[in-house]
Amino acid sequence: MSVGEAEGPHPKRSGGGRALAVPSGSLSPADGVKGRRGSSTTGDGRARLLAFWVNNFASQDWLVIGYLVALLGALAVGRGHDRGGCAWHVLADLVSYVIVLALVRLPVLPWGSAASSLIYRLAVLGAVLASFFQLREILPAVSPWAEDARIYALDLRVFGFEPCLWMDRFVSRRTTEWFAFFYFFYFLILTVHILPMLLIERDTRLLGSFSVGALLVFLTAHLVYMAVPGWGPYWYLRASFGHPLVGGTFWRLVREAVEAGGAQKDIFPSLHTAAPTFLAIFSFGHRNRAPFKYTWGPMAFFATQIIIATMFLRWHYLLDVVAGVILAVAAFLFARRIAYWEHGKRERLGLQASWMPLVYPWERRHGA
């Protein structure tokens, strides 16, 4: 039975599985919809229903909503073309996510059902992916200029050199293909971490820490792209390289992927640095449990090779990489604090878990 069924409020389950008594005076959706016996829905009932709904929003919900609202704000004050068309796409993303929150957080769908759990988890992932693929149009609509000259000048002033120029002497078909292999497998690394977390992981506190950290990494980077747009050394410093990048299969795949799905002026901070670094730190921080006790070493190695590849393949300046490392470390530290604080708060107040447990139908039958 869901929270909104006729028997009214009943003990809820937290992410850890412990039953929680609903505090006296707490509100179920039925209270807001039905109002008092014999009366229709009142303004007060609707207000209480809205309060119940919003109170159950989790950290990841506020992050996604805040991010999409920020995109709309940036488009409203941007200086490029087709801002209206981009705004409609982002608004569609926002409305779609809010509809899912209505289905899950009220809840219209039964709380804890496999359907509501899957819809919600895929909605969080879908909101991030949709906005990423829209950045190709959003970035020039908001920021039609490029900051390559300033980034390069700051690199020389702070660090005294630019790694992609220094590594030009080592460019060959073999080295290009080596780093292209790791650069391309960035996408596989994301997949093998994110999908099992969303579709398999049962520890909702661990999922909360991971999801908040990952969202902080990706959503922060997407917003900063608009403030510091740039094409990268491959374009700005193209006349300074003495050796063309020529590789085999993986170099071709990298170029095709960037040309087909890349956001283009998305260099600062480097997500190819921030995301693998976050995953490596997260894996190391949880190395006392499977699968991270087996994967943290290979993940750390892959992360270092991807970071070098971002500069060797001339996609990023050193400043982009440093910003990516800082973002990853900050996201890991903040996410862990936020997730554990939120878990305790929700248990204390009897709110829905930030992530509902995902139990598939065949697992319920097996358990019964």
Protein backbone atom coordinates (compact mmCIF):
# COMPACT_ATOMS: atom_id res chain seq x y z
CA MET A 1 0.00 0.00 0.00
CA SER A 2 1.33 3.46 -0.86
CA VAL A 3 1.40 6.51 1.37
CA GLY A 4 -1.59 7.94 -0.43
CA GLU A 5 -3.97 4.97 -0.03
CA ALA A 6 -7.07 4.98 2.08
CA GLU A 7 -5.56 3.71 5.32
CA GLY A 8 -3.55 6.92 5.66
CA PRO A 9 0.01 7.37 6.92
CA HIS A 10 1.91 4.28 7.90
CA PRO A 11 5.52 3.41 8.71
CA LYS A 12 7.86 4.18 5.81
CA ARG A 13 11.13 2.55 4.97
CA SER A 14 14.41 4.41 4.77
CA GLY A 15 17.14 3.59 2.31
CA GLY A 16 18.67 1.25 4.88
CA GLY A 17 15.44 -0.69 5.31
CA ARG A 18 14.58 0.44 8.90
CA ALA A 19 10.92 1.20 9.53
CA LEU A 20 10.21 4.83 10.36
CA ALA A 21 7.18 6.06 12.20
CA VAL A 22 5.52 8.99 10.51
CA PRO A 23 5.64 11.97 12.91
CA SER A 24 2.36 13.14 14.35
CA GLY A 25 1.00 15.97 12.27
CA SER A 26 2.78 14.74 9.14
CA LEU A 27 0.86 14.83 5.89
CA SER A 28 -0.02 12.12 3.44
CA PRO A 29 -1.12 12.91 -0.11
CA ALA A 30 -4.61 11.72 0.75
CA ASP A 31 -4.92 14.48 3.35
CA GLY A 32 -4.32 17.16 0.74
CA VAL A 33 -6.53 15.64 -1.94
CA LYS A 34 -9.57 14.65 0.09
CA GLY A 35 -9.63 17.33 2.77
CA ARG A 36 -12.21 16.78 5.52
CA ARG A 37 -15.04 14.24 5.22
CA GLY A 38 -17.70 15.42 2.85
CA SER A 39 -15.72 18.42 1.60
CA SER A 40 -14.02 18.99 -1.71
CA THR A 41 -10.38 19.89 -2.11
CA THR A 42 -9.68 23.23 -0.41
CA GLY A 43 -7.00 25.82 -0.94
CA ASP A 44 -5.52 24.82 2.40
CA GLY A 45 -5.50 21.18 1.35
CA ARG A 46 -3.74 22.00 -1.88
CA ALA A 47 -1.16 24.04 0.01
CA ARG A 48 -0.55 21.15 2.40
CA LEU A 49 -0.25 18.76 -0.52
CA LEU A 50 2.30 21.05 -2.19
CA ALA A 51 4.25 21.29 1.08
CA PHE A 52 4.25 17.50 1.42
CA TRP A 53 5.52 17.16 -2.17
CA VAL A 54 8.29 19.75 -1.89
CA ASN A 55 9.44 18.49 1.52
CA ASN A 56 10.12 15.11 -0.06
CA PHE A 57 12.40 16.54 -2.74
CA ALA A 58 15.91 15.11 -2.33
CA SER A 59 19.29 16.74 -2.91
CA GLN A 60 19.51 15.38 -6.44
CA ASP A 61 16.08 16.80 -7.22
CA TRP A 62 17.09 20.29 -6.13
CA LEU A 63 20.36 20.00 -8.04
CA VAL A 64 18.63 19.02 -11.29
CA ILE A 65 15.87 21.64 -10.92
CA GLY A 66 18.34 24.36 -9.96
CA TYR A 67 20.57 23.47 -12.88
CA LEU A 68 17.76 23.59 -15.44
CA VAL A 69 16.48 26.88 -14.02
CA ALA A 70 20.03 28.26 -14.23
CA LEU A 71 20.20 27.23 -17.90
CA LEU A 72 16.95 29.08 -18.55
CA GLY A 73 18.33 32.15 -16.76
CA ALA A 74 21.53 32.05 -18.77
CA LEU A 75 19.58 31.80 -22.01
CA ALA A 76 17.44 34.76 -20.96
CA VAL A 77 20.49 37.02 -20.63
CA GLY A 78 22.69 35.39 -23.29
CA ARG A 79 24.08 37.18 -26.33
CA GLY A 80 23.92 34.54 -29.02
CA HIS A 81 21.31 33.41 -31.53
CA ASP A 82 18.41 30.95 -31.18
CA ARG A 83 18.13 31.43 -27.44
CA GLY A 84 14.37 30.98 -27.67
CA GLY A 85 14.57 27.58 -29.30
CA CYS A 86 17.13 26.39 -26.73
CA ALA A 87 14.95 27.70 -23.90
CA TRP A 88 11.98 25.66 -25.10
CA HIS A 89 14.11 22.50 -25.07
CA VAL A 90 15.37 23.18 -21.54
CA LEU A 91 11.84 24.02 -20.38
CA ALA A 92 10.66 20.68 -21.76
CA ASP A 93 13.42 18.96 -19.75
CA LEU A 94 12.32 20.80 -16.60
CA VAL A 95 8.61 20.05 -17.06
CA SER A 96 9.34 16.39 -17.75
CA TYR A 97 11.41 16.10 -14.58
CA VAL A 98 8.76 17.84 -12.46
CA ILE A 99 6.11 15.45 -13.80
CA VAL A 100 8.26 12.50 -12.72
CA LEU A 101 8.65 14.08 -9.29
CA ALA A 102 4.87 14.36 -9.05
CA LEU A 103 4.52 10.67 -9.91
CA VAL A 104 7.17 9.56 -7.45
CA ARG A 105 7.38 12.09 -4.61
CA LEU A 106 3.64 12.62 -3.98
CA PRO A 107 3.52 9.61 -4.72
CA VAL A 108 1.00 8.99 -7.49
CA LEU A 109 2.74 5.71 -8.29
CA PRO A 110 3.04 3.25 -5.37
CA TRP A 111 6.05 4.14 -3.26
CA GLY A 112 8.78 1.53 -3.51
CA SER A 113 7.40 -0.18 -6.60
CA ALA A 114 9.90 -1.21 -9.25
CA ALA A 115 8.13 1.00 -11.81
CA SER A 116 8.37 4.20 -9.75
CA SER A 117 11.95 3.44 -8.74
CA LEU A 118 13.06 2.86 -12.32
CA ILE A 119 11.17 5.85 -13.72
CA TYR A 120 12.73 8.13 -11.14
CA ARG A 121 16.28 6.86 -11.56
CA LEU A 122 16.11 7.06 -15.34
CA ALA A 123 14.62 10.57 -15.11
CA VAL A 124 17.64 11.83 -13.16
CA LEU A 125 20.00 10.30 -15.71
CA GLY A 126 17.87 11.47 -18.62
CA ALA A 127 17.79 15.09 -17.45
CA VAL A 128 21.59 15.24 -17.38
CA LEU A 129 22.04 13.48 -20.72
CA ALA A 130 19.40 15.57 -22.47
CA SER A 131 20.92 18.83 -21.31
CA PHE A 132 24.42 17.67 -22.30
CA PHE A 133 23.39 16.96 -25.89
CA GLN A 134 21.62 20.33 -25.97
CA LEU A 135 24.78 22.17 -24.90
CA ARG A 136 25.98 22.12 -28.50
CA GLU A 137 23.28 24.75 -29.21
CA ILE A 138 23.03 26.28 -25.73
CA LEU A 139 26.69 27.29 -25.37
CA PRO A 140 26.89 29.48 -28.50
CA ALA A 141 23.41 30.85 -27.73
CA VAL A 142 24.57 32.02 -24.29
CA SER A 143 28.25 32.79 -24.95
CA PRO A 144 29.16 33.37 -28.61
CA TRP A 145 32.73 34.37 -27.70
CA ALA A 146 35.76 32.22 -26.70
CA GLU A 147 38.26 32.62 -23.86
CA ASP A 148 41.15 30.61 -25.34
CA ALA A 149 43.54 33.57 -25.36
CA ARG A 150 42.99 34.29 -21.67
CA ILE A 151 43.24 30.65 -20.63
CA TYR A 152 46.46 30.17 -22.58
CA ALA A 153 47.97 33.39 -21.21
CA LEU A 154 47.07 32.37 -17.66
CA ASP A 155 48.65 28.95 -18.20
CA LEU A 156 51.93 30.56 -19.22
CA ARG A 157 51.78 33.06 -16.37
CA VAL A 158 50.98 30.50 -13.64
CA PHE A 159 52.63 27.30 -14.86
CA GLY A 160 55.23 28.63 -17.31
CA PHE A 161 54.41 26.20 -20.12
CA GLU A 162 51.59 24.52 -22.02
CA PRO A 163 51.69 20.69 -21.82
CA CYS A 164 50.16 20.06 -25.23
CA LEU A 165 52.98 22.05 -26.87
CA TRP A 166 55.64 20.31 -24.81
CA MET A 167 54.20 16.86 -25.66
CA ASP A 168 54.14 17.66 -29.37
CA ARG A 169 57.66 16.18 -29.64
CA PHE A 170 56.31 12.75 -28.58
CA VAL A 171 53.51 12.61 -31.13
CA SER A 172 53.53 9.50 -33.31
CA ARG A 173 50.93 7.12 -34.65
CA ARG A 174 51.55 4.75 -31.73
CA THR A 175 51.36 7.35 -28.94
CA THR A 176 48.31 8.99 -30.50
CA GLU A 177 46.49 5.67 -30.63
CA TRP A 178 47.51 4.84 -27.03
CA PHE A 179 46.00 8.00 -25.59
CA ALA A 180 43.01 7.89 -27.95
CA PHE A 181 42.19 4.45 -26.55
CA PHE A 182 41.93 5.81 -23.00
CA TYR A 183 40.19 8.99 -24.08
CA PHE A 184 37.51 7.01 -25.91
CA PHE A 185 37.01 4.57 -23.02
CA TYR A 186 35.98 7.48 -20.85
CA PHE A 187 32.44 6.75 -22.03
CA LEU A 188 32.68 3.07 -21.07
CA ILE A 189 34.04 4.00 -17.64
CA LEU A 190 31.05 6.26 -17.02
CA THR A 191 28.67 3.53 -18.14
CA VAL A 192 30.10 0.75 -15.95
CA HIS A 193 29.93 3.01 -12.89
CA ILE A 194 26.66 4.88 -13.36
CA LEU A 195 24.32 2.15 -14.66
CA PRO A 196 25.11 -0.44 -11.94
CA MET A 197 24.69 2.27 -9.31
CA LEU A 198 21.28 3.22 -10.68
CA LEU A 199 19.98 -0.25 -11.54
CA ILE A 200 21.66 -2.63 -9.08
CA GLU A 201 22.99 -0.85 -5.96
CA ARG A 202 20.87 -1.54 -2.86
CA ASP A 203 22.66 0.74 -0.38
CA THR A 204 20.77 3.99 -0.91
CA ARG A 205 23.18 5.96 1.28
CA LEU A 206 26.05 4.92 -1.00
CA LEU A 207 23.91 5.73 -4.03
CA GLY A 208 23.09 9.12 -2.50
CA SER A 209 26.75 9.98 -2.01
CA PHE A 210 27.65 8.83 -5.51
CA SER A 211 24.75 10.56 -7.25
CA VAL A 212 25.18 13.92 -5.51
CA GLY A 213 28.90 13.88 -6.26
CA ALA A 214 28.42 12.93 -9.91
CA LEU A 215 25.72 15.57 -10.36
CA LEU A 216 27.93 18.23 -8.77
CA VAL A 217 30.70 17.33 -11.20
CA PHE A 218 28.62 17.31 -14.38
CA LEU A 219 26.14 20.09 -13.66
CA THR A 220 28.80 22.46 -12.33
CA ALA A 221 30.96 21.86 -15.39
CA HIS A 222 28.04 22.46 -17.75
CA LEU A 223 27.27 25.80 -16.11
CA VAL A 224 30.89 26.95 -16.02
CA TYR A 225 31.22 26.18 -19.74
CA MET A 226 28.90 29.12 -20.35
CA ALA A 227 31.03 31.48 -18.27
CA VAL A 228 34.39 30.33 -19.71
CA PRO A 229 33.76 29.06 -23.26
CA GLY A 230 36.70 27.95 -25.35
CA TRP A 231 37.61 25.78 -28.32
CA GLY A 232 40.81 24.26 -26.98
CA PRO A 233 44.47 24.13 -28.09
CA TYR A 234 43.71 22.03 -31.18
CA TRP A 235 42.08 25.16 -32.64
CA TYR A 236 43.71 28.13 -30.90
CA LEU A 237 47.30 26.80 -31.05
CA ARG A 238 46.95 24.89 -34.32
CA ALA A 239 49.77 26.85 -35.97
CA SER A 240 52.19 25.99 -33.13
CA PHE A 241 52.20 22.20 -33.49
CA GLY A 242 54.93 20.54 -35.52
CA HIS A 243 53.45 17.03 -35.67
CA PRO A 244 49.92 16.21 -36.85
CA LEU A 245 47.89 13.75 -34.80
CA VAL A 246 47.57 10.58 -36.86
CA GLY A 247 46.28 7.35 -35.35
CA GLY A 248 44.27 4.25 -36.04
CA THR A 249 40.86 2.99 -35.01
CA PHE A 250 40.58 4.68 -31.62
CA TRP A 251 41.78 8.08 -32.85
CA ARG A 252 39.13 7.89 -35.57
CA LEU A 253 36.47 6.94 -33.02
CA VAL A 254 37.47 9.83 -30.77
CA ARG A 255 37.22 12.37 -33.56
CA GLU A 256 33.88 11.00 -34.73
CA ALA A 257 32.46 11.04 -31.20
CA VAL A 258 33.58 14.63 -30.57
CA GLU A 259 32.28 15.83 -33.92
CA ALA A 260 28.93 14.03 -33.57
CA GLY A 261 28.03 14.56 -29.92
CA GLY A 262 30.50 16.96 -28.37
CA ALA A 263 29.34 20.31 -27.03
CA GLN A 264 32.34 21.95 -28.77
CA LYS A 265 33.22 24.95 -26.56
CA ASP A 266 33.21 22.77 -23.42
CA ILE A 267 36.80 22.88 -22.20
CA PHE A 268 36.82 24.63 -18.80
CA PRO A 269 36.75 22.67 -16.57
CA SER A 270 37.77 19.42 -18.24
CA LEU A 271 35.04 16.82 -17.66
CA HIS A 272 37.36 14.17 -19.07
CA THR A 273 39.49 15.03 -16.05
CA ALA A 274 36.83 15.69 -13.43
CA ALA A 275 34.63 12.63 -13.98
CA PRO A 276 37.37 9.92 -13.97
CA THR A 277 39.10 11.65 -11.05
CA PHE A 278 35.85 11.65 -9.06
CA LEU A 279 35.28 7.96 -9.86
CA ALA A 280 38.84 7.09 -8.85
CA ILE A 281 38.55 9.00 -5.55
CA PHE A 282 35.12 7.51 -4.86
CA SER A 283 36.42 3.99 -5.55
CA PHE A 284 39.43 4.52 -3.31
CA GLY A 285 37.25 5.96 -0.55
CA HIS A 286 35.09 2.80 -0.60
CA ARG A 287 37.88 0.29 -1.19
CA ASN A 288 36.77 -1.70 1.87
CA ARG A 289 33.79 -3.08 -0.06
CA ALA A 290 33.12 -4.80 -3.36
CA PRO A 291 33.50 -4.01 -6.17
CA PHE A 292 35.66 -1.01 -5.31
CA LYS A 293 38.36 -3.02 -3.53
CA TYR A 294 39.05 -4.61 -6.92
CA THR A 295 38.46 -1.65 -9.19
CA TRP A 296 40.04 1.35 -7.47
CA GLY A 297 43.55 0.52 -8.75
CA PRO A 298 42.61 0.11 -12.43
CA MET A 299 40.31 3.13 -12.15
CA ALA A 300 43.17 5.27 -10.83
CA PHE A 301 45.39 4.14 -13.71
CA PHE A 302 42.71 4.86 -16.32
CA ALA A 303 42.06 8.27 -14.78
CA THR A 304 45.73 9.30 -15.05
CA GLN A 305 45.93 8.16 -18.68
CA ILE A 306 42.72 9.99 -19.60
CA ILE A 307 43.97 13.18 -17.97
CA ILE A 308 47.23 13.03 -19.96
CA ALA A 309 45.24 12.21 -23.10
CA THR A 310 43.15 15.39 -22.77
CA MET A 311 46.32 17.43 -23.22
CA PHE A 312 48.25 15.09 -25.54
CA LEU A 313 45.31 15.05 -27.99
CA ARG A 314 45.15 18.87 -27.72
CA TRP A 315 41.61 19.12 -26.39
CA HIS A 316 42.48 20.89 -23.12
CA TYR A 317 44.82 23.44 -21.58
CA LEU A 318 46.56 22.72 -18.28
CA LEU A 319 44.24 25.15 -16.51
CA ASP A 320 41.23 23.11 -17.68
CA VAL A 321 42.76 19.99 -16.15
CA VAL A 322 43.61 21.66 -12.83
CA ALA A 323 40.05 23.00 -12.61
CA GLY A 324 38.72 19.49 -13.32
CA VAL A 325 40.78 17.94 -10.50
CA ILE A 326 39.63 20.62 -8.05
CA LEU A 327 36.01 20.08 -9.06
CA ALA A 328 36.29 16.31 -8.58
CA VAL A 329 37.83 16.57 -5.11
CA ALA A 330 35.34 19.20 -3.98
CA ALA A 331 32.38 17.17 -5.30
CA PHE A 332 33.53 14.04 -3.45
CA LEU A 333 33.98 15.87 -0.14
CA PHE A 334 30.71 17.81 -0.32
CA ALA A 335 28.64 14.88 -1.62
CA ARG A 336 29.58 12.60 1.23
CA ARG A 337 28.61 15.19 3.83
CA ILE A 338 25.38 16.08 2.06
CA ALA A 339 24.27 12.47 1.53
CA TYR A 340 24.83 11.36 5.14
CA TRP A 341 23.29 14.54 6.55
CA GLU A 342 20.24 14.11 4.34
CA HIS A 343 19.85 10.44 5.22
CA GLY A 344 19.80 11.25 8.92
CA LYS A 345 17.38 14.15 8.44
CA ARG A 346 14.92 12.02 6.50
CA GLU A 347 15.00 9.26 9.09
CA ARG A 348 14.45 11.81 11.84
CA LEU A 349 11.49 13.50 10.12
CA GLY A 350 9.95 10.40 8.60
CA LEU A 351 10.34 11.64 5.02
CA GLN A 352 10.72 9.50 1.95
CA ALA A 353 14.21 8.17 1.39
CA SER A 354 16.21 10.32 -1.02
CA TRP A 355 16.46 7.23 -3.23
CA MET A 356 13.74 4.63 -2.95
CA PRO A 357 14.98 1.04 -2.79
CA LEU A 358 14.83 -0.75 -6.14
CA VAL A 359 13.35 -4.24 -5.81
CA TYR A 360 12.43 -6.02 -9.01
CA PRO A 361 9.23 -8.15 -9.15
CA TRP A 362 11.09 -11.46 -9.43
CA GLU A 363 13.09 -10.56 -6.31
CA ARG A 364 9.88 -9.95 -4.36
CA ARG A 365 8.54 -13.37 -5.39
CA HIS A 366 11.83 -14.99 -4.46
CA GLY A 367 11.83 -13.25 -1.07
CA ALA A 368 8.26 -14.32 -0.41
